[in-house]
Protein backbone atom coordinates (compact mmCIF):
# COMPACT_ATOMS: atom_id res chain seq x y z
CA MET A 1 0.17 0.25 0.27
CA ARG A 2 0.62 4.07 0.08
CA PRO A 3 2.60 4.87 2.83
CA LEU A 4 0.10 6.54 5.43
CA PRO A 5 0.39 9.40 7.49
CA VAL A 6 2.55 8.13 10.85
CA GLU A 7 2.79 9.50 13.95
CA PRO A 8 5.79 9.45 15.96
CA LEU A 9 5.96 7.87 19.59
CA SER A 10 8.47 9.21 21.91
CA GLY A 11 10.89 6.13 23.55
CA ALA A 12 10.74 4.12 20.09
CA PRO A 13 14.05 2.34 18.84
CA GLN A 14 15.24 5.12 15.93
CA PHE A 15 13.80 2.11 13.37
CA VAL A 16 10.49 2.16 14.62
CA GLN A 17 8.30 5.73 12.73
CA GLY A 18 5.45 5.34 14.44
CA LEU A 19 1.92 4.62 14.89
CA ALA A 20 -0.34 4.77 11.37
CA ILE A 21 -3.66 4.14 10.96
CA ILE A 22 -4.59 1.08 8.44
CA ARG A 23 -7.67 -0.96 7.77
CA GLY A 24 -8.85 1.76 11.16
CA ALA A 25 -6.41 0.47 13.57
CA PRO A 26 -2.99 1.68 14.32
CA VAL A 27 -0.60 -0.29 14.09
CA PRO A 28 4.03 0.40 14.45
CA VAL A 29 5.35 1.65 11.50
CA VAL A 30 9.28 -0.34 11.02
CA ASP A 31 11.34 1.90 8.25
CA ALA A 32 12.98 -1.49 6.69
CA ALA A 33 16.40 0.46 6.15
CA ARG A 34 16.98 2.10 9.35
CA LEU A 35 15.85 -1.65 10.61
CA LEU A 36 18.45 -3.67 8.93
CA GLY A 37 21.82 -0.98 9.49
CA ALA A 38 21.09 1.42 6.76
CA GLU A 39 20.49 4.64 6.69
CA ALA A 40 16.67 5.35 6.28
CA THR A 41 14.96 6.79 3.55
CA ARG A 42 11.60 8.34 2.70
CA PRO A 43 9.28 4.58 2.07
CA SER A 44 6.78 4.68 -0.68
CA ARG A 45 5.46 1.55 0.19
CA PHE A 46 4.28 0.24 3.02
CA VAL A 47 3.92 -3.97 3.63
CA THR A 48 1.60 -5.35 6.05
CA LEU A 49 2.61 -8.06 7.99
CA LYS A 50 0.99 -10.66 10.95
CA ALA A 51 3.06 -11.44 13.51
CA ASP A 52 0.49 -13.76 15.53
CA GLU A 53 -2.36 -11.65 16.87
CA ARG A 54 -0.24 -8.87 16.52
CA ARG A 55 0.65 -6.20 12.48
CA VAL A 56 3.00 -4.58 12.01
CA ALA A 57 3.94 -2.19 8.92
CA LEU A 58 6.82 -2.19 7.12
CA ALA A 59 8.26 1.10 5.62
CA VAL A 60 9.87 0.19 2.45
CA ASP A 61 11.47 1.57 -1.05
CA SER A 62 9.51 -0.95 -3.37
CA VAL A 63 7.55 -4.41 -3.85
CA LEU A 64 9.41 -6.32 -6.01
CA GLY A 65 6.36 -9.08 -5.56
CA VAL A 66 5.55 -11.34 -3.29
CA ARG A 67 6.86 -15.42 -3.85
CA SER A 68 5.76 -17.90 -1.87
CA ILE A 69 8.78 -20.21 -0.16
CA PRO A 70 7.87 -23.55 -1.08
CA ASP A 71 8.37 -25.42 2.63
CA GLY A 72 11.42 -26.95 3.32
CA SER A 73 13.92 -24.36 1.33
CA LEU A 74 15.17 -22.30 4.97
CA GLN A 75 17.29 -23.64 6.78
CA ALA A 76 18.96 -21.90 10.55
CA LEU A 77 21.60 -20.11 10.62
CA PRO A 78 25.60 -21.52 10.32
CA PRO A 79 27.25 -21.28 12.96
CA LEU A 80 29.88 -18.98 11.48
CA LEU A 81 26.87 -16.17 10.47
CA ARG A 82 24.54 -17.14 14.16
CA ASP A 83 26.76 -14.54 15.76
CA ALA A 84 26.61 -11.05 13.28
CA GLY A 85 22.82 -11.91 12.34
CA ALA A 86 21.21 -13.79 14.38
CA GLU A 87 20.08 -10.38 16.20
CA ILE A 88 17.60 -9.47 12.62
CA VAL A 89 17.68 -12.11 10.60
CA SER A 90 15.83 -16.06 11.59
CA LYS A 91 16.36 -18.34 8.20
CA ILE A 92 18.82 -18.49 4.91
CA GLY A 93 17.95 -19.66 2.35
CA MET A 94 17.51 -19.68 -1.86
CA LEU A 95 14.75 -18.60 -3.89
CA ASP A 96 15.26 -19.60 -7.99
CA ALA A 97 19.32 -18.48 -7.48
CA GLU A 98 19.18 -15.58 -5.05
CA LEU A 99 19.43 -15.33 -1.22
CA LEU A 100 16.71 -15.08 0.72
CA LEU A 101 17.32 -13.58 4.68
CA VAL A 102 14.00 -13.88 7.09
CA LEU A 103 13.55 -11.06 9.44
CA ARG A 104 13.36 -12.35 13.02
CA SER A 105 9.89 -10.70 13.73
CA VAL A 106 10.78 -9.79 17.56
CA ARG A 107 12.96 -7.25 16.54
CA PHE A 108 9.85 -4.64 14.69
CA VAL A 109 8.92 -4.48 17.40
CA THR A 110 9.72 -5.75 21.25
CA GLU A 111 7.24 -6.66 24.27
CA ASP A 112 8.40 -3.18 26.01
CA LEU A 113 7.08 -1.54 23.41
CA TRP A 114 4.37 -3.34 22.31
CA ALA A 115 2.97 -3.27 26.24
CA LYS A 116 3.72 1.18 25.38
CA LEU A 117 1.73 0.86 21.72
CA SER A 118 -0.90 -1.68 23.87
CA ALA A 119 -1.27 1.39 26.79
CA ASP A 120 -1.42 3.79 24.54
CA GLY A 121 -4.38 2.68 22.91
CA ALA A 122 -3.33 -0.09 20.33
CA PRO A 123 -4.27 -3.51 19.72
CA SER A 124 -1.76 -5.50 21.14
């Protein structure tokens, strides 16, 4: 979807832009570039993700497509990379000879921040 207005939220990590009203509910917006350690950009799209019963919007520069990932095509991080990438990446894999990185959803919005969002009126 096209980006919606975002209301900043004090005390949130730098990669959390704030809250946007998406389909009638407040949803935290995470800047994908900042989450991955790059400089913030001006996103052109929001991608909404569901993590259990919670929703989060990922602010991205573009969406190249939506693909199904076959079962068994993902694997745990190799031991050499666990210390370097396990904080953000949970699994790796390949799709059509392209590298896939599966982001660890708990890094998007921490439990403490979810609690703050719930206290501010966002759905838990």
